[in-house]
Amino acid sequence: MRSTLISTLATAATAAAILVPTGSAEAAGSCDLWRSTNGAKTGFARCTSFDGAAKYKIRVSCSKGGTVYSPKVSVGQTTWATCKSGYVTHTTLFRA
């Protein structure tokens, strides 16, 4: 019983960690941030509004050092940035 409970709690903690967005917004808006599930090498963002901005981009920090910027996109589109080495540790939104 105890090992089943510990296993269940560990699984729940892992699932919660995957669902938590990895990032912060520079300004108020309605944005979703997420990482790829295959090694978490790519960070994504999609904003439906971003404090009146017409375009935005993201910056991802990579676990083995380095920073990668995404292409600028219009509000309503999805943008992404991929770490060449390591995985995404943090994603930040910026007006473009």
Protein backbone atom coordinates (compact mmCIF):
# COMPACT_ATOMS: atom_id res chain seq x y z
CA MET A 1 0.00 0.00 0.00
CA ARG A 2 2.75 2.45 0.99
CA SER A 3 4.83 1.81 -2.16
CA THR A 4 1.71 2.26 -4.32
CA LEU A 5 0.99 5.60 -2.63
CA ILE A 6 4.59 6.77 -3.09
CA SER A 7 4.52 5.68 -6.73
CA THR A 8 1.22 7.51 -7.29
CA LEU A 9 2.56 10.70 -5.66
CA ALA A 10 5.76 10.55 -7.72
CA THR A 11 3.73 10.13 -10.92
CA ALA A 12 1.48 13.05 -9.99
CA ALA A 13 4.48 15.26 -9.21
CA THR A 14 6.06 14.40 -12.55
CA ALA A 15 2.83 15.12 -14.44
CA ALA A 16 2.46 18.46 -12.65
CA ALA A 17 6.01 19.43 -13.54
CA ILE A 18 5.32 18.79 -17.22
CA LEU A 19 2.12 20.87 -17.20
CA VAL A 20 3.62 23.93 -15.50
CA PRO A 21 4.46 26.65 -18.06
CA THR A 22 8.14 27.54 -18.30
CA GLY A 23 8.30 31.24 -18.51
CA SER A 24 7.35 34.74 -17.69
CA ALA A 25 5.75 37.60 -19.54
CA GLU A 26 7.33 41.02 -19.88
CA ALA A 27 3.89 42.65 -20.17
CA ALA A 28 0.28 41.68 -19.47
CA GLY A 29 -1.39 39.50 -22.05
CA SER A 30 -3.06 36.23 -22.77
CA CYS A 31 -0.28 33.79 -23.67
CA ASP A 32 0.42 30.09 -23.36
CA LEU A 33 4.01 28.87 -22.95
CA TRP A 34 5.06 25.24 -23.22
CA ARG A 35 7.97 22.92 -24.02
CA SER A 36 8.18 20.02 -26.42
CA THR A 37 7.61 16.64 -24.79
CA ASN A 38 10.46 14.94 -26.67
CA GLY A 39 13.45 16.01 -24.56
CA ALA A 40 12.08 19.53 -23.94
CA LYS A 41 14.51 21.00 -26.49
CA THR A 42 11.98 23.46 -27.95
CA GLY A 43 10.03 26.23 -26.21
CA PHE A 44 6.76 27.48 -27.72
CA ALA A 45 4.45 30.45 -27.15
CA ARG A 46 1.08 31.50 -28.50
CA CYS A 47 -0.49 34.82 -27.52
CA THR A 48 -4.05 35.87 -28.29
CA SER A 49 -3.29 39.33 -26.85
CA PHE A 50 -0.11 40.88 -25.55
CA ASP A 51 -0.60 44.32 -23.97
CA GLY A 52 -1.54 45.95 -27.26
CA ALA A 53 1.53 44.65 -29.13
CA ALA A 54 1.08 43.52 -32.72
CA LYS A 55 4.10 41.15 -32.65
CA TYR A 56 6.05 39.20 -30.04
CA LYS A 57 8.93 36.74 -29.73
CA ILE A 58 10.39 34.45 -27.06
CA ARG A 59 13.82 33.82 -25.63
CA VAL A 60 14.67 30.38 -24.28
CA SER A 61 17.53 29.64 -21.90
CA CYS A 62 19.21 26.28 -22.46
CA SER A 63 20.48 23.89 -19.79
CA LYS A 64 23.96 23.60 -21.27
CA GLY A 65 24.32 27.36 -21.61
CA GLY A 66 23.21 29.68 -24.33
CA THR A 67 20.14 31.61 -25.26
CA VAL A 68 18.02 31.25 -28.39
CA TYR A 69 15.46 33.74 -29.75
CA SER A 70 12.41 32.82 -31.81
CA PRO A 71 11.21 34.50 -34.97
CA LYS A 72 8.88 37.49 -34.44
CA VAL A 73 5.24 36.59 -35.05
CA SER A 74 1.91 38.38 -35.00
CA VAL A 75 -0.45 37.99 -32.07
CA GLY A 76 -2.53 34.86 -32.70
CA GLN A 77 0.37 32.90 -34.19
CA THR A 78 2.68 30.39 -32.51
CA THR A 79 6.43 30.94 -32.29
CA TRP A 80 9.22 28.62 -31.12
CA ALA A 81 12.92 28.45 -30.33
CA THR A 82 15.02 25.28 -30.09
CA CYS A 83 18.10 24.64 -27.95
CA LYS A 84 20.94 23.12 -29.99
CA SER A 85 22.45 21.60 -26.85
CA GLY A 86 20.58 20.68 -23.68
CA TYR A 87 16.94 21.42 -22.90
CA VAL A 88 14.82 24.53 -22.28
CA THR A 89 15.09 25.75 -18.69
CA HIS A 90 13.22 29.06 -19.00
CA THR A 91 11.09 30.88 -21.58
CA THR A 92 10.55 34.66 -21.61
CA LEU A 93 8.12 36.64 -23.80
CA PHE A 94 9.04 39.98 -25.39
CA ARG A 95 7.28 42.60 -27.49
CA ALA A 96 8.78 42.64 -30.97
